[in-house]
Structure formats: structure tokens, C-alpha cells
Amino acid sequence: MFKNYISDILLNYIQNELNSIIIDVNTVSGGDINNVYRLRCDDRSYLLKVNDRYNYPNMFAKEQQGLDAIRETKTIAVPEIVLQGEFDNDSYLILEWINVGYANTFASSMLGIQLSQLHKSTNARFGFHTDNYMGSLIQINNWYATWCDFFIEQRLQPMLKMAVDKKELTRNDIHQFDQLYKKLPGLFTEEPPSLLHGDLWGGNYLIDIDGKPYLIDPAVSYGNREFDIAMTTLFGGFDRAFYEAYNGEYPLSPGWQQRLKLWTLYPLLVHVNLFGGMYAKQVRDNLSIYA
């Protein structure tokens, strides 16, 4: 029927669920974990994400929960969720199709302002009401009273143990992290827990053709908002207008620039566990600044 990696059986099932006629299917780049497609139907276009329901159980249900949490704040747009479910061995998520434009200065400023407004959505404790995924790895979100304890016990320690078990890091690295844990309370000022996107690198936001920002692929929790800002610095994709607009709307605590590499220890540990290689060196380099 269509020249791609998705089965005709699944497409026919989705077509019936949508109550639409699928005219064409095209693969979309950028799906590291999932197979991603554009469905052009007789009524509109959709984004379809598919993965193995047994390799990544409930991944799309968790993604939907994250998107819903952001949407409920009414601060920044996320794609409309059309359908989410399972069929045979597959899980699928269908979202509205966003026609992507360019991140000009105005759009970058709007992204900064709206992210700061998202971060004003707070909670009494750090964590989230459900676990979810960071990339393809399970992310535990048990509730904690302080960011310090949450960041150590729910973010750094599980990823560090995994990296040592994989022999990507060593017992000496564990010792260095133990030194950091002792110093961490004095390295920052606790703030109320903010709703975080949680995986805010440059590939996880879109600007539509009207200049409207959207957040995609969240790994939400309530945490220290500097964590989201730190994530934006890992792989680029955010310009000066974004940071200036954010700080103009909701100024970060003094010294935030000096803490960026501290908070990126977690996503770097995730990358060590997924990809190994140079990310172990980045972890050690960042750790040496604080430990």
C-alpha cells in the first residue's frame, strides 16, 4: 500500500480509528527511539509515532501525561493529542501535524517568555505523580521535599549505578559523585518546584509558520527550573533572545550560569548509558568543576 516501514495492518486499523482516509504516508526524520510518520488524510495531516509496546511499555501514555500537564498550565502550546493506544505488538501516538517555520528573534523571545510562565506553575513537592521516560530510559519521579535530595536520589544515583554496571564509569567516579552530594546543598538556593519540560534540548521545541512556539517530547517533573535552562545549553538551538526574554519575565537566581554544568550531569549520564563514548569524559569534566 505505502512504501515505508509501517505495516498495512496497523495503517488500516489507524485509518478506522481516525475515521479518515489515509492518502499518503511519509517518514519523518528525528525519531531516535520511535518510527515517525506524516499521515496525509482526506481531512487533515497527522503526526504518527510508533514503537514496540514491549520494549518501551507505556511510553506514549507517559508522553501524553506530560503533554497534558503542560497544556493544563495554559502557558505554552503543545500538539493536540488525537489518539494514543496499542495494536498487536505496536504502541502508537497520533498528534496534530505542525507546519514548522523558523525561530526568528520574536519567536525565540516568545519561547523564553512562555517557558518562564510554565515554570511559574509550581507544586508543594519535587517529583511527579507518575514515572516516565528520559529518552528510552525509565525516569523515576518519586516525591521529595527538596530538590537537592530529589536530584541526587532520583536523577544522579540511578543513572550513575547503571553507568557503572555497564562499565562506562568506575568506582572512582562514584567517589567523585559522593563528594558532590556533600557539597550540593551549598551550591544553589532552593526554590519552589516548577513544572519542567525535562528534556529541553533544541530538538524538542517547534516554531510553527506563524511564529508560535510548541513544546514536544517532554519528560516532565516538578523540579528546579534551572534544570530546563541547563538542558538548553547542551546541544545548542537557543539564542540570546530566548535567555533575555526568560530572565526579563522570571529572573533566574544569581550565579545560575555557574550551575549549568552541574544540572547537565543528569542528561549527560543518560547519554553515557545510551551511547557511552565521549559522554563519560563530559561527565567527568563537569563533575570536576563541583566535586
C-alpha atoms as a PDB file:
ATOM      1  CA  MET A   1       0.000   0.000   0.000  1.00  0.00           C
ATOM      2  CA  PHE A   2       2.671   2.526   1.108  1.00  0.00           C
ATOM      3  CA  LYS A   3       6.464   2.367   0.750  1.00  0.00           C
ATOM      4  CA  ASN A   4       7.652   2.633   4.358  1.00  0.00           C
ATOM      5  CA  TYR A   5       8.300   0.509   7.425  1.00  0.00           C
ATOM      6  CA  ILE A   6       4.799   0.632   8.885  1.00  0.00           C
ATOM      7  CA  SER A   7       2.529  -2.347   8.317  1.00  0.00           C
ATOM      8  CA  ASP A   8      -0.600  -2.065   6.212  1.00  0.00           C
ATOM      9  CA  ILE A   9      -2.500  -3.818   9.002  1.00  0.00           C
ATOM     10  CA  LEU A  10      -1.606  -1.109  11.516  1.00  0.00           C
ATOM     11  CA  LEU A  11      -2.376   1.625   8.985  1.00  0.00           C
ATOM     12  CA  ASN A  12      -5.792   0.160   8.265  1.00  0.00           C
ATOM     13  CA  TYR A  13      -6.511  -0.033  11.988  1.00  0.00           C
ATOM     14  CA  ILE A  14      -5.467   3.607  12.487  1.00  0.00           C
ATOM     15  CA  GLN A  15      -7.476   4.701   9.468  1.00  0.00           C
ATOM     16  CA  ASN A  16     -10.582   3.167  11.037  1.00  0.00           C
ATOM     17  CA  GLU A  17      -9.827   4.766  14.404  1.00  0.00           C
ATOM     18  CA  LEU A  18      -9.403   8.184  12.781  1.00  0.00           C
ATOM     19  CA  ASN A  19     -12.492   7.696  10.634  1.00  0.00           C
ATOM     20  CA  SER A  20     -10.439   9.224   7.807  1.00  0.00           C
ATOM     21  CA  ILE A  21      -8.957   8.007   4.557  1.00  0.00           C
ATOM     22  CA  ILE A  22      -5.150   7.905   4.562  1.00  0.00           C
ATOM     23  CA  ILE A  23      -3.933   9.283   1.253  1.00  0.00           C
ATOM     24  CA  ASP A  24      -0.179   9.152   1.803  1.00  0.00           C
ATOM     25  CA  VAL A  25       2.417   8.227   4.437  1.00  0.00           C
ATOM     26  CA  ASN A  26       5.929   9.680   4.678  1.00  0.00           C
ATOM     27  CA  THR A  27       8.680   9.023   7.183  1.00  0.00           C
ATOM     28  CA  VAL A  28       9.776  11.971   9.314  1.00  0.00           C
ATOM     29  CA  SER A  29      13.377  12.410  10.457  1.00  0.00           C
ATOM     30  CA  GLY A  30      14.366  12.854  14.088  1.00  0.00           C
ATOM     31  CA  GLY A  31      12.860   9.722  15.604  1.00  0.00           C
ATOM     32  CA  ASP A  32      15.743   8.081  17.516  1.00  0.00           C
ATOM     33  CA  ILE A  33      13.517   5.731  19.523  1.00  0.00           C
ATOM     34  CA  ASN A  34      10.274   5.737  17.577  1.00  0.00           C
ATOM     35  CA  ASN A  35       9.347   5.391  13.927  1.00  0.00           C
ATOM     36  CA  VAL A  36       7.730   8.710  12.997  1.00  0.00           C
ATOM     37  CA  TYR A  37       5.466   9.425  10.042  1.00  0.00           C
ATOM     38  CA  ARG A  38       3.335  12.119   8.497  1.00  0.00           C
ATOM     39  CA  LEU A  39      -0.116  10.834   7.648  1.00  0.00           C
ATOM     40  CA  ARG A  40      -1.847  12.869   4.957  1.00  0.00           C
ATOM     41  CA  CYS A  41      -5.545  12.121   5.195  1.00  0.00           C
ATOM     42  CA  ASP A  42      -8.617  13.349   3.384  1.00  0.00           C
ATOM     43  CA  ASP A  43      -9.414  15.769   6.221  1.00  0.00           C
ATOM     44  CA  ARG A  44      -6.030  16.871   7.596  1.00  0.00           C
ATOM     45  CA  SER A  45      -2.463  15.737   8.269  1.00  0.00           C
ATOM     46  CA  TYR A  46      -1.302  13.978  11.429  1.00  0.00           C
ATOM     47  CA  LEU A  47       1.985  13.010  13.060  1.00  0.00           C
ATOM     48  CA  LEU A  48       2.152   9.308  13.871  1.00  0.00           C
ATOM     49  CA  LYS A  49       4.697   7.803  16.265  1.00  0.00           C
ATOM     50  CA  VAL A  50       5.084   4.019  16.528  1.00  0.00           C
ATOM     51  CA  ASN A  51       7.261   1.807  18.694  1.00  0.00           C
ATOM     52  CA  ASP A  52       7.400  -1.678  20.228  1.00  0.00           C
ATOM     53  CA  ARG A  53       4.925  -1.871  23.111  1.00  0.00           C
ATOM     54  CA  TYR A  54       7.056  -4.484  24.896  1.00  0.00           C
ATOM     55  CA  ASN A  55      10.417  -2.722  24.581  1.00  0.00           C
ATOM     56  CA  TYR A  56       9.002   0.617  25.755  1.00  0.00           C
ATOM     57  CA  PRO A  57       5.911  -0.161  27.824  1.00  0.00           C
ATOM     58  CA  ASN A  58       3.511   2.763  28.253  1.00  0.00           C
ATOM     59  CA  MET A  59       5.958   5.227  26.669  1.00  0.00           C
ATOM     60  CA  PHE A  60       3.268   7.043  24.707  1.00  0.00           C
ATOM     61  CA  ALA A  61       0.844   7.016  27.625  1.00  0.00           C
ATOM     62  CA  LYS A  62       3.569   8.720  29.670  1.00  0.00           C
ATOM     63  CA  GLU A  63       4.215  11.180  26.855  1.00  0.00           C
ATOM     64  CA  GLN A  64       0.513  12.007  26.740  1.00  0.00           C
ATOM     65  CA  GLN A  65       0.512  12.628  30.502  1.00  0.00           C
ATOM     66  CA  GLY A  66       3.431  15.015  30.115  1.00  0.00           C
ATOM     67  CA  LEU A  67       1.847  16.893  27.234  1.00  0.00           C
ATOM     68  CA  ASP A  68      -1.422  17.124  29.154  1.00  0.00           C
ATOM     69  CA  ALA A  69       0.365  18.509  32.226  1.00  0.00           C
ATOM     70  CA  ILE A  70       1.978  21.260  30.151  1.00  0.00           C
ATOM     71  CA  ARG A  71      -1.252  22.011  28.279  1.00  0.00           C
ATOM     72  CA  GLU A  72      -3.199  22.379  31.518  1.00  0.00           C
ATOM     73  CA  THR A  73      -0.969  25.288  32.594  1.00  0.00           C
ATOM     74  CA  LYS A  74      -2.195  27.322  29.578  1.00  0.00           C
ATOM     75  CA  THR A  75       1.265  28.850  29.258  1.00  0.00           C
ATOM     76  CA  ILE A  76       2.831  27.327  26.147  1.00  0.00           C
ATOM     77  CA  ALA A  77       1.426  25.261  23.311  1.00  0.00           C
ATOM     78  CA  VAL A  78       1.863  21.524  22.853  1.00  0.00           C
ATOM     79  CA  PRO A  79       0.486  19.471  19.940  1.00  0.00           C
ATOM     80  CA  GLU A  80      -3.091  18.270  20.183  1.00  0.00           C
ATOM     81  CA  ILE A  81      -3.309  14.581  21.066  1.00  0.00           C
ATOM     82  CA  VAL A  82      -5.580  12.820  18.604  1.00  0.00           C
ATOM     83  CA  LEU A  83      -5.198   9.131  19.518  1.00  0.00           C
ATOM     84  CA  GLN A  84      -2.971   7.015  21.734  1.00  0.00           C
ATOM     85  CA  GLY A  85      -3.116   3.275  22.099  1.00  0.00           C
ATOM     86  CA  GLU A  86      -1.780  -0.195  21.273  1.00  0.00           C
ATOM     87  CA  PHE A  87      -2.345  -2.664  18.450  1.00  0.00           C
ATOM     88  CA  ASP A  88      -0.684  -6.087  18.265  1.00  0.00           C
ATOM     89  CA  ASN A  89       2.996  -5.511  19.120  1.00  0.00           C
ATOM     90  CA  ASP A  90       2.897  -1.769  18.494  1.00  0.00           C
ATOM     91  CA  SER A  91       2.192   1.304  20.556  1.00  0.00           C
ATOM     92  CA  TYR A  92       1.152   4.417  18.695  1.00  0.00           C
ATOM     93  CA  LEU A  93       0.578   8.098  19.336  1.00  0.00           C
ATOM     94  CA  ILE A  94      -1.157  10.391  16.846  1.00  0.00           C
ATOM     95  CA  LEU A  95      -0.707  14.149  17.193  1.00  0.00           C
ATOM     96  CA  GLU A  96      -1.779  17.135  15.179  1.00  0.00           C
ATOM     97  CA  TRP A  97       0.633  17.987  12.387  1.00  0.00           C
ATOM     98  CA  ILE A  98       2.558  21.238  12.998  1.00  0.00           C
ATOM     99  CA  ASN A  99       3.736  23.127   9.917  1.00  0.00           C
ATOM    100  CA  VAL A 100       7.198  24.169  11.044  1.00  0.00           C
ATOM    101  CA  GLY A 101       8.567  27.665  10.431  1.00  0.00           C
ATOM    102  CA  TYR A 102      11.713  29.439  11.643  1.00  0.00           C
ATOM    103  CA  ALA A 103      12.931  30.516  15.066  1.00  0.00           C
ATOM    104  CA  ASN A 104      13.369  34.247  14.456  1.00  0.00           C
ATOM    105  CA  THR A 105      14.082  36.692  17.280  1.00  0.00           C
ATOM    106  CA  PHE A 106      10.408  37.264  18.044  1.00  0.00           C
ATOM    107  CA  ALA A 107       9.635  33.537  18.199  1.00  0.00           C
ATOM    108  CA  SER A 108      12.700  32.885  20.388  1.00  0.00           C
ATOM    109  CA  SER A 109      11.579  35.627  22.754  1.00  0.00           C
ATOM    110  CA  MET A 110       8.088  34.165  22.930  1.00  0.00           C
ATOM    111  CA  LEU A 111       9.576  30.761  23.701  1.00  0.00           C
ATOM    112  CA  GLY A 112      11.587  32.262  26.562  1.00  0.00           C
ATOM    113  CA  ILE A 113       8.607  34.150  27.982  1.00  0.00           C
ATOM    114  CA  GLN A 114       6.246  31.202  27.729  1.00  0.00           C
ATOM    115  CA  LEU A 115       8.765  28.779  29.252  1.00  0.00           C
ATOM    116  CA  SER A 116       9.173  31.152  32.197  1.00  0.00           C
ATOM    117  CA  GLN A 117       5.398  31.187  32.589  1.00  0.00           C
ATOM    118  CA  LEU A 118       5.359  27.380  32.551  1.00  0.00           C
ATOM    119  CA  HIS A 119       7.956  27.446  35.339  1.00  0.00           C
ATOM    120  CA  LYS A 120       5.638  29.596  37.440  1.00  0.00           C
ATOM    121  CA  SER A 121       3.362  26.549  37.652  1.00  0.00           C
ATOM    122  CA  THR A 122       4.530  25.126  40.959  1.00  0.00           C
ATOM    123  CA  ASN A 123       3.846  22.264  43.320  1.00  0.00           C
ATOM    124  CA  ALA A 124       4.411  21.532  47.019  1.00  0.00           C
ATOM    125  CA  ARG A 125       6.948  18.745  46.327  1.00  0.00           C
ATOM    126  CA  PHE A 126       9.553  17.698  43.775  1.00  0.00           C
ATOM    127  CA  GLY A 127       8.702  14.781  41.507  1.00  0.00           C
ATOM    128  CA  PHE A 128       5.612  13.813  39.538  1.00  0.00           C
ATOM    129  CA  HIS A 129       2.542  11.646  40.034  1.00  0.00           C
ATOM    130  CA  THR A 130       3.900   9.007  37.638  1.00  0.00           C
ATOM    131  CA  ASP A 131       7.222   7.775  36.329  1.00  0.00           C
ATOM    132  CA  ASN A 132       8.054   8.444  32.683  1.00  0.00           C
ATOM    133  CA  TYR A 133      10.922   8.235  30.206  1.00  0.00           C
ATOM    134  CA  MET A 134      14.078  10.212  29.564  1.00  0.00           C
ATOM    135  CA  GLY A 135      14.935   9.144  26.055  1.00  0.00           C
ATOM    136  CA  SER A 136      14.429   5.380  26.127  1.00  0.00           C
ATOM    137  CA  LEU A 137      15.314   5.032  29.833  1.00  0.00           C
ATOM    138  CA  ILE A 138      12.794   4.897  32.665  1.00  0.00           C
ATOM    139  CA  GLN A 139      12.799   8.072  34.765  1.00  0.00           C
ATOM    140  CA  ILE A 140      11.633   7.642  38.367  1.00  0.00           C
ATOM    141  CA  ASN A 141       9.713  10.577  39.853  1.00  0.00           C
ATOM    142  CA  ASN A 142       9.023   9.752  43.498  1.00  0.00           C
ATOM    143  CA  TRP A 143       8.044  12.772  45.602  1.00  0.00           C
ATOM    144  CA  TYR A 144      10.710  14.595  47.646  1.00  0.00           C
ATOM    145  CA  ALA A 145      10.681  17.648  49.887  1.00  0.00           C
ATOM    146  CA  THR A 146      13.863  19.194  48.457  1.00  0.00           C
ATOM    147  CA  TRP A 147      15.415  19.491  45.010  1.00  0.00           C
ATOM    148  CA  CYS A 148      18.779  18.507  46.481  1.00  0.00           C
ATOM    149  CA  ASP A 149      17.528  15.108  47.639  1.00  0.00           C
ATOM    150  CA  PHE A 150      15.401  14.583  44.531  1.00  0.00           C
ATOM    151  CA  PHE A 151      18.277  15.401  42.151  1.00  0.00           C
ATOM    152  CA  ILE A 152      20.672  13.085  43.979  1.00  0.00           C
ATOM    153  CA  GLU A 153      18.373  10.124  44.632  1.00  0.00           C
ATOM    154  CA  GLN A 154      16.024  10.200  41.629  1.00  0.00           C
ATOM    155  CA  ARG A 155      18.317  11.569  38.951  1.00  0.00           C
ATOM    156  CA  LEU A 156      22.039  11.117  39.551  1.00  0.00           C
ATOM    157  CA  GLN A 157      22.262   7.908  41.592  1.00  0.00           C
ATOM    158  CA  PRO A 158      20.152   5.646  39.330  1.00  0.00           C
ATOM    159  CA  MET A 159      21.975   6.764  36.173  1.00  0.00           C
ATOM    160  CA  LEU A 160      25.379   6.533  37.868  1.00  0.00           C
ATOM    161  CA  LYS A 161      24.688   2.971  39.031  1.00  0.00           C
ATOM    162  CA  MET A 162      23.597   1.993  35.527  1.00  0.00           C
ATOM    163  CA  ALA A 163      26.735   3.540  34.003  1.00  0.00           C
ATOM    164  CA  VAL A 164      28.998   1.708  36.460  1.00  0.00           C
ATOM    165  CA  ASP A 165      27.174  -1.574  35.829  1.00  0.00           C
ATOM    166  CA  LYS A 166      27.748  -1.021  32.109  1.00  0.00           C
ATOM    167  CA  LYS A 167      31.434  -0.331  32.885  1.00  0.00           C
ATOM    168  CA  GLU A 168      31.213   3.098  31.294  1.00  0.00           C
ATOM    169  CA  LEU A 169      32.127   4.718  34.625  1.00  0.00           C
ATOM    170  CA  THR A 170      34.188   3.449  37.571  1.00  0.00           C
ATOM    171  CA  ARG A 171      34.190   3.275  41.367  1.00  0.00           C
ATOM    172  CA  ASN A 172      36.402   6.346  41.374  1.00  0.00           C
ATOM    173  CA  ASP A 173      33.604   8.194  39.598  1.00  0.00           C
ATOM    174  CA  ILE A 174      31.241   7.042  42.358  1.00  0.00           C
ATOM    175  CA  HIS A 175      33.631   8.584  44.906  1.00  0.00           C
ATOM    176  CA  GLN A 176      33.632  11.870  42.977  1.00  0.00           C
ATOM    177  CA  PHE A 177      29.844  11.922  42.913  1.00  0.00           C
ATOM    178  CA  ASP A 178      29.779  11.205  46.662  1.00  0.00           C
ATOM    179  CA  GLN A 179      31.899  14.325  47.155  1.00  0.00           C
ATOM    180  CA  LEU A 180      29.455  16.317  45.056  1.00  0.00           C
ATOM    181  CA  TYR A 181      26.490  15.078  47.096  1.00  0.00           C
ATOM    182  CA  LYS A 182      28.057  16.511  50.249  1.00  0.00           C
ATOM    183  CA  LYS A 183      28.579  19.913  48.624  1.00  0.00           C
ATOM    184  CA  LEU A 184      25.349  20.144  46.649  1.00  0.00           C
ATOM    185  CA  PRO A 185      23.176  21.869  49.320  1.00  0.00           C
ATOM    186  CA  GLY A 186      25.589  24.812  49.354  1.00  0.00           C
ATOM    187  CA  LEU A 187      25.828  25.225  45.591  1.00  0.00           C
ATOM    188  CA  PHE A 188      22.342  26.643  44.968  1.00  0.00           C
ATOM    189  CA  THR A 189      19.293  28.168  46.635  1.00  0.00           C
ATOM    190  CA  GLU A 190      16.177  26.030  46.910  1.00  0.00           C
ATOM    191  CA  GLU A 191      13.129  27.355  45.027  1.00  0.00           C
ATOM    192  CA  PRO A 192       9.518  26.107  44.826  1.00  0.00           C
ATOM    193  CA  PRO A 193       9.231  23.118  42.468  1.00  0.00           C
ATOM    194  CA  SER A 194       8.462  24.266  38.905  1.00  0.00           C
ATOM    195  CA  LEU A 195       6.810  22.169  36.228  1.00  0.00           C
ATOM    196  CA  LEU A 196       9.703  21.246  33.932  1.00  0.00           C
ATOM    197  CA  HIS A 197       9.683  20.054  30.354  1.00  0.00           C
ATOM    198  CA  GLY A 198      12.548  17.855  31.491  1.00  0.00           C
ATOM    199  CA  ASP A 199      14.297  17.173  28.170  1.00  0.00           C
ATOM    200  CA  LEU A 200      14.530  20.647  26.689  1.00  0.00           C
ATOM    201  CA  TRP A 201      17.214  20.351  24.033  1.00  0.00           C
ATOM    202  CA  GLY A 202      16.911  22.114  20.686  1.00  0.00           C
ATOM    203  CA  GLY A 203      15.075  19.236  19.018  1.00  0.00           C
ATOM    204  CA  ASN A 204      12.211  19.287  21.491  1.00  0.00           C
ATOM    205  CA  TYR A 205      10.574  22.551  20.564  1.00  0.00           C
ATOM    206  CA  LEU A 206       9.000  23.700  17.331  1.00  0.00           C
ATOM    207  CA  ILE A 207       8.146  27.102  15.890  1.00  0.00           C
ATOM    208  CA  ASP A 208       5.191  26.971  13.531  1.00  0.00           C
ATOM    209  CA  ILE A 209       4.823  29.038  10.359  1.00  0.00           C
ATOM    210  CA  ASP A 210       3.074  31.776  12.361  1.00  0.00           C
ATOM    211  CA  GLY A 211       5.943  32.024  14.859  1.00  0.00           C
ATOM    212  CA  LYS A 212       4.112  30.152  17.629  1.00  0.00           C
ATOM    213  CA  PRO A 213       6.307  28.007  19.936  1.00  0.00           C
ATOM    214  CA  TYR A 214       5.377  24.416  20.773  1.00  0.00           C
ATOM    215  CA  LEU A 215       6.996  22.005  23.230  1.00  0.00           C
ATOM    216  CA  ILE A 216       7.231  18.333  22.214  1.00  0.00           C
ATOM    217  CA  ASP A 217       8.585  15.053  23.663  1.00  0.00           C
ATOM    218  CA  PRO A 218       8.504  16.034  27.356  1.00  0.00           C
ATOM    219  CA  ALA A 219       9.981  14.185  30.340  1.00  0.00           C
ATOM    220  CA  VAL A 220       8.082  16.220  32.891  1.00  0.00           C
ATOM    221  CA  SER A 221       8.507  16.541  36.633  1.00  0.00           C
ATOM    222  CA  TYR A 222       8.398  19.285  39.207  1.00  0.00           C
ATOM    223  CA  GLY A 223      11.963  20.436  39.781  1.00  0.00           C
ATOM    224  CA  ASN A 224      14.387  23.319  39.898  1.00  0.00           C
ATOM    225  CA  ARG A 225      13.753  25.462  36.818  1.00  0.00           C
ATOM    226  CA  GLU A 226      17.491  25.932  36.246  1.00  0.00           C
ATOM    227  CA  PHE A 227      17.483  22.300  35.104  1.00  0.00           C
ATOM    228  CA  ASP A 228      15.438  23.143  31.995  1.00  0.00           C
ATOM    229  CA  ILE A 229      17.670  26.126  31.278  1.00  0.00           C
ATOM    230  CA  ALA A 230      20.776  23.983  31.637  1.00  0.00           C
ATOM    231  CA  MET A 231      19.357  21.432  29.194  1.00  0.00           C
ATOM    232  CA  THR A 232      19.012  24.161  26.553  1.00  0.00           C
ATOM    233  CA  THR A 233      22.785  24.679  26.604  1.00  0.00           C
ATOM    234  CA  LEU A 234      23.819  21.086  25.879  1.00  0.00           C
ATOM    235  CA  PHE A 235      23.388  20.911  22.112  1.00  0.00           C
ATOM    236  CA  GLY A 236      22.551  24.476  21.035  1.00  0.00           C
ATOM    237  CA  GLY A 237      19.390  25.658  19.322  1.00  0.00           C
ATOM    238  CA  PHE A 238      18.534  28.543  21.661  1.00  0.00           C
ATOM    239  CA  ASP A 239      19.679  32.109  21.013  1.00  0.00           C
ATOM    240  CA  ARG A 240      20.322  35.176  23.155  1.00  0.00           C
ATOM    241  CA  ALA A 241      16.771  36.442  22.666  1.00  0.00           C
ATOM    242  CA  PHE A 242      15.432  33.307  24.379  1.00  0.00           C
ATOM    243  CA  TYR A 243      17.556  33.771  27.523  1.00  0.00           C
ATOM    244  CA  GLU A 244      16.995  37.522  27.711  1.00  0.00           C
ATOM    245  CA  ALA A 245      13.231  37.105  27.384  1.00  0.00           C
ATOM    246  CA  TYR A 246      13.161  34.352  30.011  1.00  0.00           C
ATOM    247  CA  ASN A 247      15.128  36.419  32.523  1.00  0.00           C
ATOM    248  CA  GLY A 248      13.073  39.502  31.758  1.00  0.00           C
ATOM    249  CA  GLU A 249       9.899  37.631  32.682  1.00  0.00           C
ATOM    250  CA  TYR A 250      11.152  35.452  35.561  1.00  0.00           C
ATOM    251  CA  PRO A 251      14.778  36.237  36.544  1.00  0.00           C
ATOM    252  CA  LEU A 252      16.958  33.276  37.462  1.00  0.00           C
ATOM    253  CA  SER A 253      18.811  33.252  40.779  1.00  0.00           C
ATOM    254  CA  PRO A 254      22.234  34.939  40.838  1.00  0.00           C
ATOM    255  CA  GLY A 255      25.023  32.639  39.698  1.00  0.00           C
ATOM    256  CA  TRP A 256      22.782  30.480  37.511  1.00  0.00           C
ATOM    257  CA  GLN A 257      25.349  30.487  34.698  1.00  0.00           C
ATOM    258  CA  GLN A 258      27.886  28.819  37.004  1.00  0.00           C
ATOM    259  CA  ARG A 259      25.455  26.000  37.791  1.00  0.00           C
ATOM    260  CA  LEU A 260      24.575  24.995  34.232  1.00  0.00           C
ATOM    261  CA  LYS A 261      27.145  22.186  34.028  1.00  0.00           C
ATOM    262  CA  LEU A 262      26.017  20.935  37.412  1.00  0.00           C
ATOM    263  CA  TRP A 263      22.456  20.279  36.256  1.00  0.00           C
ATOM    264  CA  THR A 264      23.564  18.801  32.930  1.00  0.00           C
ATOM    265  CA  LEU A 265      25.241  15.947  34.790  1.00  0.00           C
ATOM    266  CA  TYR A 266      21.945  14.074  34.655  1.00  0.00           C
ATOM    267  CA  PRO A 267      21.281  14.237  30.898  1.00  0.00           C
ATOM    268  CA  LEU A 268      24.959  13.509  30.292  1.00  0.00           C
ATOM    269  CA  LEU A 269      24.705  10.381  32.454  1.00  0.00           C
ATOM    270  CA  VAL A 270      21.651   9.385  30.420  1.00  0.00           C
ATOM    271  CA  HIS A 271      23.754   9.786  27.270  1.00  0.00           C
ATOM    272  CA  VAL A 272      26.552   7.714  28.822  1.00  0.00           C
ATOM    273  CA  ASN A 273      24.072   4.894  29.361  1.00  0.00           C
ATOM    274  CA  LEU A 274      22.611   5.197  25.874  1.00  0.00           C
ATOM    275  CA  PHE A 275      25.721   5.958  23.820  1.00  0.00           C
ATOM    276  CA  GLY A 276      28.853   5.695  26.024  1.00  0.00           C
ATOM    277  CA  GLY A 277      31.990   7.102  24.445  1.00  0.00           C
ATOM    278  CA  MET A 278      32.761  10.771  24.811  1.00  0.00           C
ATOM    279  CA  TYR A 279      29.858  11.423  27.184  1.00  0.00           C
ATOM    280  CA  ALA A 280      31.746   9.734  30.033  1.00  0.00           C
ATOM    281  CA  LYS A 281      34.513  12.311  29.585  1.00  0.00           C
ATOM    282  CA  GLN A 282      31.960  15.133  29.624  1.00  0.00           C
ATOM    283  CA  VAL A 283      30.520  13.796  32.873  1.00  0.00           C
ATOM    284  CA  ARG A 284      33.968  13.745  34.451  1.00  0.00           C
ATOM    285  CA  ASP A 285      34.832  17.199  33.147  1.00  0.00           C
ATOM    286  CA  ASN A 286      31.624  18.689  34.528  1.00  0.00           C
ATOM    287  CA  LEU A 287      31.934  16.798  37.794  1.00  0.00           C
ATOM    288  CA  SER A 288      35.478  18.098  38.365  1.00  0.00           C
ATOM    289  CA  ILE A 289      34.121  21.657  38.494  1.00  0.00           C
ATOM    290  CA  TYR A 290      31.958  20.952  41.550  1.00  0.00           C
ATOM    291  CA  ALA A 291      33.233  17.830  43.331  1.00  0.00           C
END
